[in-house]
Every structure is written in C-alpha cells, then in structure tokens.
N, C-alpha and C. Protein backbone atom coordinates (compact mmCIF):
# COMPACT_ATOMS: atom_id res chain seq x y z
N UNK A 1 -35.55 -26.59 16.26
CA UNK A 1 -34.77 -25.52 15.60
C UNK A 1 -33.29 -25.72 15.96
N UNK A 2 -32.48 -25.75 14.95
CA UNK A 2 -31.05 -25.89 15.18
C UNK A 2 -30.37 -24.52 15.11
N UNK A 3 -29.26 -24.40 15.80
CA UNK A 3 -28.52 -23.13 15.80
C UNK A 3 -27.82 -22.98 14.46
N UNK A 4 -28.01 -21.82 13.84
CA UNK A 4 -27.39 -21.58 12.53
C UNK A 4 -25.91 -21.29 12.70
N UNK A 5 -25.10 -22.01 11.94
CA UNK A 5 -23.66 -21.81 12.02
C UNK A 5 -23.26 -20.57 11.23
N UNK A 6 -22.37 -19.77 11.79
CA UNK A 6 -21.84 -18.64 11.00
C UNK A 6 -20.97 -19.16 9.87
N UNK A 7 -20.96 -18.48 8.74
CA UNK A 7 -20.12 -18.94 7.62
C UNK A 7 -18.65 -18.90 7.98
N UNK A 8 -17.94 -19.95 7.61
CA UNK A 8 -16.52 -20.02 7.96
C UNK A 8 -15.71 -19.06 7.10
N UNK A 9 -16.11 -18.93 5.83
CA UNK A 9 -15.40 -18.00 4.93
C UNK A 9 -16.26 -16.78 4.72
N UNK A 10 -15.79 -15.63 5.18
CA UNK A 10 -16.58 -14.40 5.06
C UNK A 10 -16.52 -13.83 3.65
N UNK A 11 -15.34 -13.87 3.04
CA UNK A 11 -15.20 -13.37 1.67
C UNK A 11 -14.54 -14.45 0.84
N UNK A 12 -14.80 -14.49 -0.45
CA UNK A 12 -14.16 -15.49 -1.31
C UNK A 12 -12.65 -15.36 -1.33
N UNK A 13 -11.98 -16.46 -1.63
CA UNK A 13 -10.52 -16.48 -1.57
C UNK A 13 -9.87 -15.54 -2.56
N UNK A 14 -10.40 -15.48 -3.78
CA UNK A 14 -9.78 -14.64 -4.81
C UNK A 14 -9.92 -13.17 -4.44
N UNK A 15 -11.03 -12.82 -3.80
CA UNK A 15 -11.24 -11.42 -3.41
C UNK A 15 -10.27 -11.01 -2.31
N UNK A 16 -10.10 -11.88 -1.31
CA UNK A 16 -9.16 -11.56 -0.24
C UNK A 16 -7.73 -11.52 -0.77
N UNK A 17 -7.43 -12.41 -1.74
CA UNK A 17 -6.10 -12.40 -2.33
C UNK A 17 -5.85 -11.10 -3.09
N UNK A 18 -6.86 -10.63 -3.83
CA UNK A 18 -6.71 -9.38 -4.56
C UNK A 18 -6.56 -8.21 -3.60
N UNK A 19 -7.32 -8.23 -2.51
CA UNK A 19 -7.22 -7.17 -1.51
C UNK A 19 -5.83 -7.15 -0.89
N UNK A 20 -5.32 -8.34 -0.54
CA UNK A 20 -3.98 -8.45 0.02
C UNK A 20 -2.93 -7.97 -0.97
N UNK A 21 -3.11 -8.33 -2.24
CA UNK A 21 -2.15 -7.93 -3.26
C UNK A 21 -2.16 -6.42 -3.46
N UNK A 22 -3.35 -5.81 -3.42
CA UNK A 22 -3.41 -4.36 -3.60
C UNK A 22 -2.77 -3.64 -2.41
N UNK A 23 -2.96 -4.17 -1.20
CA UNK A 23 -2.30 -3.57 -0.03
C UNK A 23 -0.79 -3.70 -0.15
N UNK A 24 -0.33 -4.88 -0.59
CA UNK A 24 1.11 -5.09 -0.75
C UNK A 24 1.67 -4.17 -1.82
N UNK A 25 0.92 -4.00 -2.92
CA UNK A 25 1.38 -3.13 -4.00
C UNK A 25 1.45 -1.69 -3.51
N UNK A 26 0.46 -1.27 -2.75
CA UNK A 26 0.46 0.09 -2.20
C UNK A 26 1.65 0.29 -1.27
N UNK A 27 1.96 -0.72 -0.46
CA UNK A 27 3.11 -0.62 0.44
C UNK A 27 4.41 -0.50 -0.35
N UNK A 28 4.54 -1.30 -1.43
CA UNK A 28 5.74 -1.21 -2.26
C UNK A 28 5.85 0.15 -2.95
N UNK A 29 4.73 0.67 -3.44
CA UNK A 29 4.76 1.97 -4.12
C UNK A 29 5.18 3.06 -3.14
N UNK A 30 4.62 3.04 -1.93
CA UNK A 30 5.01 4.03 -0.94
C UNK A 30 6.47 3.88 -0.55
N UNK A 31 6.91 2.62 -0.39
CA UNK A 31 8.28 2.37 0.05
C UNK A 31 9.29 2.84 -0.98
N UNK A 32 8.98 2.69 -2.28
CA UNK A 32 9.94 3.07 -3.31
C UNK A 32 9.79 4.51 -3.77
N UNK A 33 8.61 5.11 -3.58
CA UNK A 33 8.43 6.49 -4.05
C UNK A 33 8.87 7.50 -3.00
N UNK A 34 8.87 7.11 -1.73
CA UNK A 34 9.25 8.06 -0.69
C UNK A 34 10.69 8.54 -0.83
N UNK A 35 11.69 7.67 -1.02
CA UNK A 35 13.06 8.17 -1.24
C UNK A 35 13.19 9.03 -2.49
N UNK A 36 12.43 8.71 -3.55
CA UNK A 36 12.49 9.52 -4.76
C UNK A 36 11.96 10.93 -4.50
N UNK A 37 10.86 11.03 -3.76
CA UNK A 37 10.30 12.35 -3.43
C UNK A 37 11.26 13.13 -2.55
N UNK A 38 11.86 12.46 -1.57
CA UNK A 38 12.81 13.13 -0.67
C UNK A 38 14.03 13.62 -1.44
N UNK A 39 14.55 12.78 -2.33
CA UNK A 39 15.73 13.21 -3.10
C UNK A 39 15.38 14.35 -4.05
N UNK A 40 14.19 14.32 -4.64
CA UNK A 40 13.77 15.40 -5.54
C UNK A 40 13.64 16.72 -4.78
N UNK A 41 13.03 16.68 -3.59
CA UNK A 41 12.90 17.89 -2.78
C UNK A 41 14.26 18.40 -2.34
N UNK A 42 15.14 17.49 -1.96
CA UNK A 42 16.46 17.93 -1.52
C UNK A 42 17.25 18.51 -2.69
N UNK A 43 17.06 17.97 -3.90
CA UNK A 43 17.72 18.52 -5.08
C UNK A 43 17.22 19.94 -5.37
N UNK A 44 15.92 20.16 -5.25
CA UNK A 44 15.36 21.50 -5.49
C UNK A 44 15.85 22.49 -4.43
N UNK A 45 15.82 22.06 -3.17
CA UNK A 45 16.29 22.95 -2.10
C UNK A 45 17.78 23.25 -2.26
N UNK A 46 18.55 22.25 -2.65
CA UNK A 46 19.98 22.46 -2.83
C UNK A 46 20.25 23.44 -3.97
N UNK A 47 19.52 23.31 -5.06
CA UNK A 47 19.74 24.22 -6.20
C UNK A 47 19.27 25.63 -5.87
N UNK A 48 18.25 25.76 -5.04
CA UNK A 48 17.77 27.10 -4.68
C UNK A 48 18.71 27.79 -3.69
N UNK A 49 19.21 27.02 -2.72
CA UNK A 49 20.00 27.64 -1.66
C UNK A 49 21.44 27.88 -2.07
N UNK A 50 21.99 27.02 -2.93
CA UNK A 50 23.40 27.18 -3.28
C UNK A 50 23.59 28.02 -4.54
N UNK A 51 22.52 28.22 -5.30
CA UNK A 51 22.56 28.98 -6.56
C UNK A 51 23.54 28.33 -7.54
C-alpha cells in the first residue's frame, strides 16, 4: 500500500481567479463608495443644520 498524495491543486485555476477577482471588485466598490456615502451624509447634515 502506498501513501496517497494530497492533491496539489485544491480548486481549479479559473475558480480561484474568479474568487480573487470578486474580492478585488468588492474592495474597489467599498473603496470608491465610502467617500460618496460620507459626502452625501455630510451634505444632508449641512443642509439640515445650516438651513
């Protein structure tokens, strides 16, 4: 009986690439939407407080 080798590649390359791309896309969306949300909230607060 020979020792069974564990598979070197756990997931296919295209799947890991898609997963990496989705994480990168999510990071970009968060990075670019956060300043927009902050500026929108500050605009609303400014218009409410200054009349």
